Amino acid sequence: EMRITIPEDMKYFCKSELVSLYIQKYVQYRKRKVFYPVSG
């Protein structure tokens, strides 16, 4: 809405794997820039 383009090298740190996988709805998912704990 605010026309902000998120850089491709932006990193994502998520509470759980389930939350991290949801990012695929908006950006190409690359494990090298998505981090999460196994415990959630």
PDB file of all heavy atoms in Angstrom:
ATOM      1  N   GLU A   1       0.819  -1.203   0.000  1.00  0.00           N
ATOM      2  CA  GLU A   1       0.000   0.000   0.000  1.00  0.00           C
ATOM      3  C   GLU A   1       0.861   1.266   0.000  1.00  0.00           C
ATOM      4  O   GLU A   1       0.531   2.261  -0.648  1.00  0.00           O
ATOM      5  CB  GLU A   1      -0.924  -0.001   1.221  1.00  0.00           C
ATOM      6  CG  GLU A   1      -1.881   1.184   1.276  1.00  0.00           C
ATOM      7  CD  GLU A   1      -2.776   1.168   2.503  1.00  0.00           C
ATOM      8  OE1 GLU A   1      -2.876   0.108   3.160  1.00  0.00           O
ATOM      9  OE2 GLU A   1      -3.367   2.214   2.817  1.00  0.00           O
ATOM     10  N   MET A   2       1.977   1.219   0.728  1.00  0.00           N
ATOM     11  CA  MET A   2       2.864   2.384   0.812  1.00  0.00           C
ATOM     12  C   MET A   2       3.933   2.391  -0.287  1.00  0.00           C
ATOM     13  O   MET A   2       4.814   3.226  -0.296  1.00  0.00           O
ATOM     14  CB  MET A   2       3.527   2.413   2.194  1.00  0.00           C
ATOM     15  CG  MET A   2       2.549   2.621   3.337  1.00  0.00           C
ATOM     16  SD  MET A   2       3.360   2.873   4.948  1.00  0.00           S
ATOM     17  CE  MET A   2       4.118   1.262   5.189  1.00  0.00           C
ATOM     18  N   ARG A   3       3.843   1.412  -1.198  1.00  0.00           N
ATOM     19  CA  ARG A   3       4.769   1.293  -2.330  1.00  0.00           C
ATOM     20  C   ARG A   3       6.223   1.172  -1.873  1.00  0.00           C
ATOM     21  O   ARG A   3       7.136   1.768  -2.452  1.00  0.00           O
ATOM     22  CB  ARG A   3       4.599   2.482  -3.290  1.00  0.00           C
ATOM     23  CG  ARG A   3       3.195   2.542  -3.893  1.00  0.00           C
ATOM     24  CD  ARG A   3       3.031   3.691  -4.837  1.00  0.00           C
ATOM     25  NE  ARG A   3       1.671   3.748  -5.365  1.00  0.00           N
ATOM     26  CZ  ARG A   3       1.221   4.679  -6.193  1.00  0.00           C
ATOM     27  NH1 ARG A   3       2.042   5.660  -6.599  1.00  0.00           N
ATOM     28  NH2 ARG A   3      -0.030   4.664  -6.626  1.00  0.00           N
ATOM     29  N   ILE A   4       6.399   0.386  -0.843  1.00  0.00           N
ATOM     30  CA  ILE A   4       7.749   0.099  -0.344  1.00  0.00           C
ATOM     31  C   ILE A   4       8.199  -1.221  -0.958  1.00  0.00           C
ATOM     32  O   ILE A   4       7.541  -2.254  -0.783  1.00  0.00           O
ATOM     33  CB  ILE A   4       7.762  -0.010   1.196  1.00  0.00           C
ATOM     34  CG1 ILE A   4       7.388   1.327   1.829  1.00  0.00           C
ATOM     35  CG2 ILE A   4       9.125  -0.487   1.699  1.00  0.00           C
ATOM     36  CD1 ILE A   4       7.213   1.261   3.343  1.00  0.00           C
ATOM     37  N   THR A   5       9.285  -1.210  -1.673  1.00  0.00           N
ATOM     38  CA  THR A   5       9.829  -2.425  -2.274  1.00  0.00           C
ATOM     39  C   THR A   5      10.863  -3.026  -1.330  1.00  0.00           C
ATOM     40  O   THR A   5      11.880  -2.397  -1.020  1.00  0.00           O
ATOM     41  CB  THR A   5      10.497  -2.124  -3.628  1.00  0.00           C
ATOM     42  OG1 THR A   5       9.529  -1.533  -4.500  1.00  0.00           O
ATOM     43  CG2 THR A   5      11.039  -3.397  -4.255  1.00  0.00           C
ATOM     44  N   ILE A   6      10.592  -4.237  -0.871  1.00  0.00           N
ATOM     45  CA  ILE A   6      11.500  -4.904   0.059  1.00  0.00           C
ATOM     46  C   ILE A   6      12.697  -5.464  -0.719  1.00  0.00           C
ATOM     47  O   ILE A   6      12.507  -6.209  -1.688  1.00  0.00           O
ATOM     48  CB  ILE A   6      10.788  -6.046   0.807  1.00  0.00           C
ATOM     49  CG1 ILE A   6       9.553  -5.516   1.537  1.00  0.00           C
ATOM     50  CG2 ILE A   6      11.740  -6.716   1.792  1.00  0.00           C
ATOM     51  CD1 ILE A   6       9.839  -4.439   2.555  1.00  0.00           C
ATOM     52  N   PRO A   7      13.916  -5.122  -0.322  1.00  0.00           N
ATOM     53  CA  PRO A   7      15.107  -5.616  -1.042  1.00  0.00           C
ATOM     54  C   PRO A   7      15.182  -7.141  -1.032  1.00  0.00           C
ATOM     55  O   PRO A   7      14.751  -7.790  -0.070  1.00  0.00           O
ATOM     56  CB  PRO A   7      16.275  -5.017  -0.236  1.00  0.00           C
ATOM     57  CG  PRO A   7      15.686  -3.878   0.526  1.00  0.00           C
ATOM     58  CD  PRO A   7      14.266  -4.247   0.810  1.00  0.00           C
ATOM     59  N   GLU A   8      15.734  -7.700  -2.095  1.00  0.00           N
ATOM     60  CA  GLU A   8      15.832  -9.158  -2.199  1.00  0.00           C
ATOM     61  C   GLU A   8      16.753  -9.752  -1.147  1.00  0.00           C
ATOM     62  O   GLU A   8      16.641 -10.932  -0.805  1.00  0.00           O
ATOM     63  CB  GLU A   8      16.309  -9.553  -3.605  1.00  0.00           C
ATOM     64  CG  GLU A   8      15.257  -9.345  -4.681  1.00  0.00           C
ATOM     65  CD  GLU A   8      15.679  -9.955  -6.008  1.00  0.00           C
ATOM     66  OE1 GLU A   8      16.717 -10.646  -6.038  1.00  0.00           O
ATOM     67  OE2 GLU A   8      14.965  -9.749  -7.006  1.00  0.00           O
ATOM     68  N   ASP A   9      17.694  -8.953  -0.647  1.00  0.00           N
ATOM     69  CA  ASP A   9      18.628  -9.484   0.353  1.00  0.00           C
ATOM     70  C   ASP A   9      18.133  -9.292   1.789  1.00  0.00           C
ATOM     71  O   ASP A   9      18.869  -9.539   2.751  1.00  0.00           O
ATOM     72  CB  ASP A   9      20.012  -8.855   0.193  1.00  0.00           C
ATOM     73  CG  ASP A   9      19.986  -7.339   0.371  1.00  0.00           C
ATOM     74  OD1 ASP A   9      18.879  -6.765   0.478  1.00  0.00           O
ATOM     75  OD2 ASP A   9      21.075  -6.732   0.397  1.00  0.00           O
ATOM     76  N   MET A  10      16.883  -8.868   1.956  1.00  0.00           N
ATOM     77  CA  MET A  10      16.310  -8.738   3.299  1.00  0.00           C
ATOM     78  C   MET A  10      16.288 -10.113   3.969  1.00  0.00           C
ATOM     79  O   MET A  10      15.962 -11.121   3.340  1.00  0.00           O
ATOM     80  CB  MET A  10      14.888  -8.187   3.233  1.00  0.00           C
ATOM     81  CG  MET A  10      14.238  -7.967   4.589  1.00  0.00           C
ATOM     82  SD  MET A  10      14.965  -6.615   5.526  1.00  0.00           S
ATOM     83  CE  MET A  10      14.156  -5.196   4.752  1.00  0.00           C
ATOM     84  N   LYS A  11      16.643 -10.160   5.245  1.00  0.00           N
ATOM     85  CA  LYS A  11      16.632 -11.415   5.990  1.00  0.00           C
ATOM     86  C   LYS A  11      15.386 -11.479   6.871  1.00  0.00           C
ATOM     87  O   LYS A  11      14.888 -10.457   7.333  1.00  0.00           O
ATOM     88  CB  LYS A  11      17.892 -11.534   6.844  1.00  0.00           C
ATOM     89  CG  LYS A  11      19.166 -11.660   6.025  1.00  0.00           C
ATOM     90  CD  LYS A  11      20.402 -11.747   6.921  1.00  0.00           C
ATOM     91  CE  LYS A  11      21.669 -11.850   6.078  1.00  0.00           C
ATOM     92  NZ  LYS A  11      22.888 -11.862   6.918  1.00  0.00           N
ATOM     93  N   TYR A  12      14.912 -12.707   7.098  1.00  0.00           N
ATOM     94  CA  TYR A  12      13.699 -12.904   7.890  1.00  0.00           C
ATOM     95  C   TYR A  12      13.980 -13.874   9.035  1.00  0.00           C
ATOM     96  O   TYR A  12      14.487 -14.978   8.820  1.00  0.00           O
ATOM     97  CB  TYR A  12      12.574 -13.447   7.012  1.00  0.00           C
ATOM     98  CG  TYR A  12      12.257 -12.542   5.840  1.00  0.00           C
ATOM     99  CD1 TYR A  12      12.789 -12.798   4.578  1.00  0.00           C
ATOM    100  CD2 TYR A  12      11.455 -11.423   6.001  1.00  0.00           C
ATOM    101  CE1 TYR A  12      12.520 -11.953   3.503  1.00  0.00           C
ATOM    102  CE2 TYR A  12      11.180 -10.578   4.941  1.00  0.00           C
ATOM    103  CZ  TYR A  12      11.718 -10.848   3.693  1.00  0.00           C
ATOM    104  OH  TYR A  12      11.450 -10.009   2.628  1.00  0.00           O
ATOM    105  N   PHE A  13      13.642 -13.462  10.250  1.00  0.00           N
ATOM    106  CA  PHE A  13      13.823 -14.281  11.444  1.00  0.00           C
ATOM    107  C   PHE A  13      12.437 -14.570  12.014  1.00  0.00           C
ATOM    108  O   PHE A  13      11.694 -13.643  12.354  1.00  0.00           O
ATOM    109  CB  PHE A  13      14.706 -13.560  12.461  1.00  0.00           C
ATOM    110  CG  PHE A  13      16.134 -13.435  12.014  1.00  0.00           C
ATOM    111  CD1 PHE A  13      16.500 -12.492  11.064  1.00  0.00           C
ATOM    112  CD2 PHE A  13      17.116 -14.275  12.529  1.00  0.00           C
ATOM    113  CE1 PHE A  13      17.816 -12.386  10.628  1.00  0.00           C
ATOM    114  CE2 PHE A  13      18.437 -14.172  12.102  1.00  0.00           C
ATOM    115  CZ  PHE A  13      18.786 -13.228  11.160  1.00  0.00           C
ATOM    116  N   CYS A  14      12.076 -15.859  12.078  1.00  0.00           N
ATOM    117  CA  CYS A  14      10.704 -16.248  12.407  1.00  0.00           C
ATOM    118  C   CYS A  14      10.644 -17.092  13.675  1.00  0.00           C
ATOM    119  O   CYS A  14      11.574 -17.835  13.991  1.00  0.00           O
ATOM    120  CB  CYS A  14      10.089 -17.030  11.252  1.00  0.00           C
ATOM    121  SG  CYS A  14      10.110 -16.122   9.683  1.00  0.00           S
ATOM    122  N   LYS A  15       9.514 -16.989  14.358  1.00  0.00           N
ATOM    123  CA  LYS A  15       9.321 -17.712  15.615  1.00  0.00           C
ATOM    124  C   LYS A  15       9.355 -19.221  15.407  1.00  0.00           C
ATOM    125  O   LYS A  15       9.816 -19.965  16.274  1.00  0.00           O
ATOM    126  CB  LYS A  15       7.991 -17.302  16.243  1.00  0.00           C
ATOM    127  CG  LYS A  15       7.683 -17.986  17.556  1.00  0.00           C
ATOM    128  CD  LYS A  15       6.349 -17.535  18.116  1.00  0.00           C
ATOM    129  CE  LYS A  15       6.033 -18.252  19.431  1.00  0.00           C
ATOM    130  NZ  LYS A  15       4.733 -17.831  19.984  1.00  0.00           N
ATOM    131  N   SER A  16       8.867 -19.687  14.251  1.00  0.00           N
ATOM    132  CA  SER A  16       8.790 -21.128  14.007  1.00  0.00           C
ATOM    133  C   SER A  16       8.913 -21.414  12.514  1.00  0.00           C
ATOM    134  O   SER A  16       8.813 -20.516  11.679  1.00  0.00           O
ATOM    135  CB  SER A  16       7.456 -21.683  14.524  1.00  0.00           C
ATOM    136  OG  SER A  16       6.383 -21.159  13.742  1.00  0.00           O
ATOM    137  N   GLU A  17       9.107 -22.676  12.195  1.00  0.00           N
ATOM    138  CA  GLU A  17       9.177 -23.079  10.788  1.00  0.00           C
ATOM    139  C   GLU A  17       7.841 -22.820  10.091  1.00  0.00           C
ATOM    140  O   GLU A  17       7.804 -22.394   8.936  1.00  0.00           O
ATOM    141  CB  GLU A  17       9.543 -24.558  10.671  1.00  0.00           C
ATOM    142  CG  GLU A  17       9.679 -25.022   9.226  1.00  0.00           C
ATOM    143  CD  GLU A  17      10.076 -26.483   9.104  1.00  0.00           C
ATOM    144  OE1 GLU A  17       9.976 -27.223  10.106  1.00  0.00           O
ATOM    145  OE2 GLU A  17      10.487 -26.888   7.993  1.00  0.00           O
ATOM    146  N   LEU A  18       6.730 -23.069  10.802  1.00  0.00           N
ATOM    147  CA  LEU A  18       5.409 -22.843  10.224  1.00  0.00           C
ATOM    148  C   LEU A  18       5.240 -21.392   9.803  1.00  0.00           C
ATOM    149  O   LEU A  18       4.734 -21.103   8.705  1.00  0.00           O
ATOM    150  CB  LEU A  18       4.330 -23.231  11.243  1.00  0.00           C
ATOM    151  CG  LEU A  18       2.890 -23.236  10.740  1.00  0.00           C
ATOM    152  CD1 LEU A  18       2.704 -24.317   9.688  1.00  0.00           C
ATOM    153  CD2 LEU A  18       1.921 -23.464  11.896  1.00  0.00           C
ATOM    154  N   VAL A  19       5.658 -20.468  10.661  1.00  0.00           N
ATOM    155  CA  VAL A  19       5.579 -19.047  10.328  1.00  0.00           C
ATOM    156  C   VAL A  19       6.500 -18.729   9.155  1.00  0.00           C
ATOM    157  O   VAL A  19       6.130 -18.008   8.225  1.00  0.00           O
ATOM    158  CB  VAL A  19       5.945 -18.174  11.556  1.00  0.00           C
ATOM    159  CG1 VAL A  19       6.038 -16.702  11.163  1.00  0.00           C
ATOM    160  CG2 VAL A  19       4.919 -18.351  12.662  1.00  0.00           C
ATOM    161  N   SER A  20       7.703 -19.307   9.156  1.00  0.00           N
ATOM    162  CA  SER A  20       8.676 -19.011   8.092  1.00  0.00           C
ATOM    163  C   SER A  20       8.165 -19.456   6.719  1.00  0.00           C
ATOM    164  O   SER A  20       8.355 -18.762   5.720  1.00  0.00           O
ATOM    165  CB  SER A  20      10.022 -19.677   8.392  1.00  0.00           C
ATOM    166  OG  SER A  20       9.990 -21.068   8.128  1.00  0.00           O
ATOM    167  N   LEU A  21       7.515 -20.601   6.667  1.00  0.00           N
ATOM    168  CA  LEU A  21       7.019 -21.110   5.383  1.00  0.00           C
ATOM    169  C   LEU A  21       5.934 -20.215   4.795  1.00  0.00           C
ATOM    170  O   LEU A  21       5.750 -20.165   3.574  1.00  0.00           O
ATOM    171  CB  LEU A  21       6.490 -22.541   5.556  1.00  0.00           C
ATOM    172  CG  LEU A  21       7.541 -23.610   5.868  1.00  0.00           C
ATOM    173  CD1 LEU A  21       6.881 -24.922   6.233  1.00  0.00           C
ATOM    174  CD2 LEU A  21       8.479 -23.793   4.676  1.00  0.00           C
ATOM    175  N   TYR A  22       5.222 -19.498   5.648  1.00  0.00           N
ATOM    176  CA  TYR A  22       4.141 -18.622   5.192  1.00  0.00           C
ATOM    177  C   TYR A  22       4.671 -17.439   4.385  1.00  0.00           C
ATOM    178  O   TYR A  22       3.932 -16.848   3.595  1.00  0.00           O
ATOM    179  CB  TYR A  22       3.348 -18.133   6.401  1.00  0.00           C
ATOM    180  CG  TYR A  22       2.016 -17.504   6.063  1.00  0.00           C
ATOM    181  CD1 TYR A  22       0.959 -18.273   5.589  1.00  0.00           C
ATOM    182  CD2 TYR A  22       1.810 -16.138   6.221  1.00  0.00           C
ATOM    183  CE1 TYR A  22      -0.267 -17.706   5.288  1.00  0.00           C
ATOM    184  CE2 TYR A  22       0.584 -15.555   5.925  1.00  0.00           C
ATOM    185  CZ  TYR A  22      -0.445 -16.345   5.465  1.00  0.00           C
ATOM    186  OH  TYR A  22      -1.647 -15.764   5.160  1.00  0.00           O
ATOM    187  N   ILE A  23       5.939 -17.107   4.565  1.00  0.00           N
ATOM    188  CA  ILE A  23       6.543 -15.995   3.822  1.00  0.00           C
ATOM    189  C   ILE A  23       6.482 -16.254   2.312  1.00  0.00           C
ATOM    190  O   ILE A  23       6.440 -15.315   1.510  1.00  0.00           O
ATOM    191  CB  ILE A  23       8.010 -15.770   4.271  1.00  0.00           C
ATOM    192  CG1 ILE A  23       8.040 -15.342   5.742  1.00  0.00           C
ATOM    193  CG2 ILE A  23       8.708 -14.712   3.417  1.00  0.00           C
ATOM    194  CD1 ILE A  23       9.444 -15.227   6.316  1.00  0.00           C
ATOM    195  N   GLN A  24       6.454 -17.540   1.927  1.00  0.00           N
ATOM    196  CA  GLN A  24       6.411 -17.892   0.499  1.00  0.00           C
ATOM    197  C   GLN A  24       5.206 -17.290  -0.212  1.00  0.00           C
ATOM    198  O   GLN A  24       5.198 -17.187  -1.438  1.00  0.00           O
ATOM    199  CB  GLN A  24       6.379 -19.418   0.349  1.00  0.00           C
ATOM    200  CG  GLN A  24       7.630 -20.110   0.821  1.00  0.00           C
ATOM    201  CD  GLN A  24       7.516 -21.613   0.679  1.00  0.00           C
ATOM    202  OE1 GLN A  24       7.973 -22.188  -0.298  1.00  0.00           O
ATOM    203  NE2 GLN A  24       6.898 -22.260   1.657  1.00  0.00           N
ATOM    204  N   LYS A  25       4.208 -16.913   0.557  1.00  0.00           N
ATOM    205  CA  LYS A  25       3.013 -16.291  -0.029  1.00  0.00           C
ATOM    206  C   LYS A  25       3.368 -14.948  -0.673  1.00  0.00           C
ATOM    207  O   LYS A  25       2.666 -14.490  -1.584  1.00  0.00           O
ATOM    208  CB  LYS A  25       1.962 -16.100   1.063  1.00  0.00           C
ATOM    209  CG  LYS A  25       0.646 -15.498   0.611  1.00  0.00           C
ATOM    210  CD  LYS A  25      -0.348 -15.413   1.764  1.00  0.00           C
ATOM    211  CE  LYS A  25      -1.649 -14.741   1.335  1.00  0.00           C
ATOM    212  NZ  LYS A  25      -2.621 -14.639   2.458  1.00  0.00           N
ATOM    213  N   TYR A  26       4.463 -14.339  -0.201  1.00  0.00           N
ATOM    214  CA  TYR A  26       4.805 -12.988  -0.656  1.00  0.00           C
ATOM    215  C   TYR A  26       6.165 -12.865  -1.341  1.00  0.00           C
ATOM    216  O   TYR A  26       6.340 -11.985  -2.181  1.00  0.00           O
ATOM    217  CB  TYR A  26       4.762 -12.018   0.538  1.00  0.00           C
ATOM    218  CG  TYR A  26       3.391 -11.915   1.158  1.00  0.00           C
ATOM    219  CD1 TYR A  26       3.050 -12.665   2.283  1.00  0.00           C
ATOM    220  CD2 TYR A  26       2.416 -11.086   0.600  1.00  0.00           C
ATOM    221  CE1 TYR A  26       1.784 -12.579   2.846  1.00  0.00           C
ATOM    222  CE2 TYR A  26       1.149 -11.003   1.158  1.00  0.00           C
ATOM    223  CZ  TYR A  26       0.834 -11.747   2.272  1.00  0.00           C
ATOM    224  OH  TYR A  26      -0.425 -11.663   2.820  1.00  0.00           O
ATOM    225  N   VAL A  27       7.120 -13.672  -0.956  1.00  0.00           N
ATOM    226  CA  VAL A  27       8.457 -13.566  -1.561  1.00  0.00           C
ATOM    227  C   VAL A  27       9.004 -14.954  -1.842  1.00  0.00           C
ATOM    228  O   VAL A  27       8.542 -15.947  -1.279  1.00  0.00           O
ATOM    229  CB  VAL A  27       9.459 -12.821  -0.638  1.00  0.00           C
ATOM    230  CG1 VAL A  27       9.024 -11.390  -0.388  1.00  0.00           C
ATOM    231  CG2 VAL A  27       9.647 -13.557   0.681  1.00  0.00           C
ATOM    232  N   GLN A  28      10.005 -15.005  -2.716  1.00  0.00           N
ATOM    233  CA  GLN A  28      10.658 -16.273  -3.011  1.00  0.00           C
ATOM    234  C   GLN A  28      11.403 -16.748  -1.758  1.00  0.00           C
ATOM    235  O   GLN A  28      12.184 -16.004  -1.172  1.00  0.00           O
ATOM    236  CB  GLN A  28      11.648 -16.112  -4.167  1.00  0.00           C
ATOM    237  CG  GLN A  28      12.262 -17.427  -4.615  1.00  0.00           C
ATOM    238  CD  GLN A  28      13.165 -17.253  -5.824  1.00  0.00           C
ATOM    239  OE1 GLN A  28      13.298 -16.159  -6.355  1.00  0.00           O
ATOM    240  NE2 GLN A  28      13.799 -18.332  -6.256  1.00  0.00           N
ATOM    241  N   TYR A  29      11.141 -17.966  -1.380  1.00  0.00           N
ATOM    242  CA  TYR A  29      11.688 -18.501  -0.123  1.00  0.00           C
ATOM    243  C   TYR A  29      13.091 -19.054  -0.352  1.00  0.00           C
ATOM    244  O   TYR A  29      13.295 -19.949  -1.158  1.00  0.00           O
ATOM    245  CB  TYR A  29      10.755 -19.598   0.377  1.00  0.00           C
ATOM    246  CG  TYR A  29      11.072 -20.153   1.747  1.00  0.00           C
ATOM    247  CD1 TYR A  29      10.441 -19.654   2.879  1.00  0.00           C
ATOM    248  CD2 TYR A  29      11.984 -21.188   1.917  1.00  0.00           C
ATOM    249  CE1 TYR A  29      10.698 -20.165   4.137  1.00  0.00           C
ATOM    250  CE2 TYR A  29      12.251 -21.703   3.166  1.00  0.00           C
ATOM    251  CZ  TYR A  29      11.604 -21.195   4.279  1.00  0.00           C
ATOM    252  OH  TYR A  29      11.870 -21.716   5.529  1.00  0.00           O
ATOM    253  N   ARG A  30      14.047 -18.473   0.356  1.00  0.00           N
ATOM    254  CA  ARG A  30      15.413 -19.003   0.294  1.00  0.00           C
ATOM    255  C   ARG A  30      15.874 -19.272   1.714  1.00  0.00           C
ATOM    256  O   ARG A  30      15.877 -18.381   2.555  1.00  0.00           O
ATOM    257  CB  ARG A  30      16.366 -17.984  -0.352  1.00  0.00           C
ATOM    258  CG  ARG A  30      16.062 -17.685  -1.805  1.00  0.00           C
ATOM    259  CD  ARG A  30      17.257 -16.983  -2.430  1.00  0.00           C
ATOM    260  NE  ARG A  30      16.937 -16.486  -3.765  1.00  0.00           N
ATOM    261  CZ  ARG A  30      16.632 -15.226  -4.036  1.00  0.00           C
ATOM    262  NH1 ARG A  30      16.616 -14.342  -3.057  1.00  0.00           N
ATOM    263  NH2 ARG A  30      16.378 -14.840  -5.264  1.00  0.00           N
ATOM    264  N   LYS A  31      16.282 -20.499   1.976  1.00  0.00           N
ATOM    265  CA  LYS A  31      16.661 -20.870   3.337  1.00  0.00           C
ATOM    266  C   LYS A  31      17.849 -20.043   3.835  1.00  0.00           C
ATOM    267  O   LYS A  31      18.010 -19.830   5.026  1.00  0.00           O
ATOM    268  CB  LYS A  31      16.972 -22.361   3.417  1.00  0.00           C
ATOM    269  CG  LYS A  31      15.730 -23.232   3.349  1.00  0.00           C
ATOM    270  CD  LYS A  31      16.023 -24.671   3.680  1.00  0.00           C
ATOM    271  CE  LYS A  31      14.736 -25.497   3.694  1.00  0.00           C
ATOM    272  NZ  LYS A  31      14.981 -26.923   4.007  1.00  0.00           N
ATOM    273  N   ARG A  32      18.663 -19.577   2.919  1.00  0.00           N
ATOM    274  CA  ARG A  32      19.856 -18.840   3.353  1.00  0.00           C
ATOM    275  C   ARG A  32      19.495 -17.489   3.966  1.00  0.00           C
ATOM    276  O   ARG A  32      20.320 -16.876   4.633  1.00  0.00           O
ATOM    277  CB  ARG A  32      20.818 -18.636   2.183  1.00  0.00           C
ATOM    278  CG  ARG A  32      20.263 -17.798   1.058  1.00  0.00           C
ATOM    279  CD  ARG A  32      21.299 -17.626  -0.059  1.00  0.00           C
ATOM    280  NE  ARG A  32      20.761 -16.927  -1.210  1.00  0.00           N
ATOM    281  CZ  ARG A  32      20.648 -15.607  -1.295  1.00  0.00           C
ATOM    282  NH1 ARG A  32      21.009 -14.849  -0.275  1.00  0.00           N
ATOM    283  NH2 ARG A  32      20.165 -15.043  -2.388  1.00  0.00           N
ATOM    284  N   LYS A  33      18.267 -17.010   3.759  1.00  0.00           N
ATOM    285  CA  LYS A  33      17.899 -15.724   4.352  1.00  0.00           C
ATOM    286  C   LYS A  33      16.678 -15.821   5.269  1.00  0.00           C
ATOM    287  O   LYS A  33      16.137 -14.814   5.683  1.00  0.00           O
ATOM    288  CB  LYS A  33      17.652 -14.678   3.261  1.00  0.00           C
ATOM    289  CG  LYS A  33      16.452 -14.941   2.365  1.00  0.00           C
ATOM    290  CD  LYS A  33      16.253 -13.780   1.392  1.00  0.00           C
ATOM    291  CE  LYS A  33      15.010 -13.994   0.551  1.00  0.00           C
ATOM    292  NZ  LYS A  33      14.778 -12.885  -0.389  1.00  0.00           N
ATOM    293  N   VAL A  34      16.254 -17.054   5.566  1.00  0.00           N
ATOM    294  CA  VAL A  34      15.145 -17.270   6.489  1.00  0.00           C
ATOM    295  C   VAL A  34      15.642 -18.130   7.652  1.00  0.00           C
ATOM    296  O   VAL A  34      16.203 -19.197   7.439  1.00  0.00           O
ATOM    297  CB  VAL A  34      13.950 -17.957   5.800  1.00  0.00           C
ATOM    298  CG1 VAL A  34      12.811 -18.166   6.784  1.00  0.00           C
ATOM    299  CG2 VAL A  34      13.475 -17.135   4.617  1.00  0.00           C
ATOM    300  N   PHE A  35      15.431 -17.646   8.874  1.00  0.00           N
ATOM    301  CA  PHE A  35      15.967 -18.324  10.049  1.00  0.00           C
ATOM    302  C   PHE A  35      14.843 -18.553  11.068  1.00  0.00           C
ATOM    303  O   PHE A  35      13.973 -17.702  11.233  1.00  0.00           O
ATOM    304  CB  PHE A  35      17.074 -17.479  10.696  1.00  0.00           C
ATOM    305  CG  PHE A  35      18.150 -17.063   9.729  1.00  0.00           C
ATOM    306  CD1 PHE A  35      18.007 -15.888   8.979  1.00  0.00           C
ATOM    307  CD2 PHE A  35      19.297 -17.824   9.562  1.00  0.00           C
ATOM    308  CE1 PHE A  35      18.997 -15.502   8.080  1.00  0.00           C
ATOM    309  CE2 PHE A  35      20.290 -17.441   8.674  1.00  0.00           C
ATOM    310  CZ  PHE A  35      20.142 -16.280   7.931  1.00  0.00           C
ATOM    311  N   TYR A  36      14.895 -19.696  11.752  1.00  0.00           N
ATOM    312  CA  TYR A  36      13.886 -20.001  12.770  1.00  0.00           C
ATOM    313  C   TYR A  36      14.429 -21.086  13.704  1.00  0.00           C
ATOM    314  O   TYR A  36      15.282 -21.887  13.313  1.00  0.00           O
ATOM    315  CB  TYR A  36      12.581 -20.487  12.127  1.00  0.00           C
ATOM    316  CG  TYR A  36      12.756 -21.694  11.238  1.00  0.00           C
ATOM    317  CD1 TYR A  36      12.714 -22.986  11.768  1.00  0.00           C
ATOM    318  CD2 TYR A  36      12.980 -21.554   9.869  1.00  0.00           C
ATOM    319  CE1 TYR A  36      12.893 -24.100  10.965  1.00  0.00           C
ATOM    320  CE2 TYR A  36      13.163 -22.660   9.052  1.00  0.00           C
ATOM    321  CZ  TYR A  36      13.115 -23.925   9.606  1.00  0.00           C
ATOM    322  OH  TYR A  36      13.297 -25.029   8.819  1.00  0.00           O
ATOM    323  N   PRO A  37      13.955 -21.128  14.948  1.00  0.00           N
ATOM    324  CA  PRO A  37      14.364 -22.181  15.882  1.00  0.00           C
ATOM    325  C   PRO A  37      13.495 -23.421  15.702  1.00  0.00           C
ATOM    326  O   PRO A  37      12.312 -23.304  15.392  1.00  0.00           O
ATOM    327  CB  PRO A  37      14.136 -21.545  17.254  1.00  0.00           C
ATOM    328  CG  PRO A  37      12.982 -20.617  17.022  1.00  0.00           C
ATOM    329  CD  PRO A  37      13.114 -20.110  15.601  1.00  0.00           C
ATOM    330  N   VAL A  38      14.063 -24.581  15.892  1.00  0.00           N
ATOM    331  CA  VAL A  38      13.316 -25.828  15.760  1.00  0.00           C
ATOM    332  C   VAL A  38      12.206 -25.899  16.810  1.00  0.00           C
ATOM    333  O   VAL A  38      11.122 -26.427  16.555  1.00  0.00           O
ATOM    334  CB  VAL A  38      14.265 -27.041  15.914  1.00  0.00           C
ATOM    335  CG1 VAL A  38      13.474 -28.351  15.897  1.00  0.00           C
ATOM    336  CG2 VAL A  38      15.305 -27.048  14.799  1.00  0.00           C
ATOM    337  N   SER A  39      12.451 -25.320  17.986  1.00  0.00           N
ATOM    338  CA  SER A  39      11.493 -25.413  19.091  1.00  0.00           C
ATOM    339  C   SER A  39      10.236 -24.580  18.882  1.00  0.00           C
ATOM    340  O   SER A  39       9.205 -24.826  19.501  1.00  0.00           O
ATOM    341  CB  SER A  39      12.166 -24.961  20.392  1.00  0.00           C
ATOM    342  OG  SER A  39      12.470 -23.573  20.332  1.00  0.00           O
ATOM    343  N   GLY A  40      10.317 -23.546  18.012  1.00  0.00           N
ATOM    344  CA  GLY A  40       9.177 -22.651  17.833  1.00  0.00           C
ATOM    345  C   GLY A  40       9.024 -21.655  18.964  1.00  0.00           C
ATOM    346  O   GLY A  40       7.953 -21.073  19.138  1.00  0.00           O
TER     347      GLY A  40
END
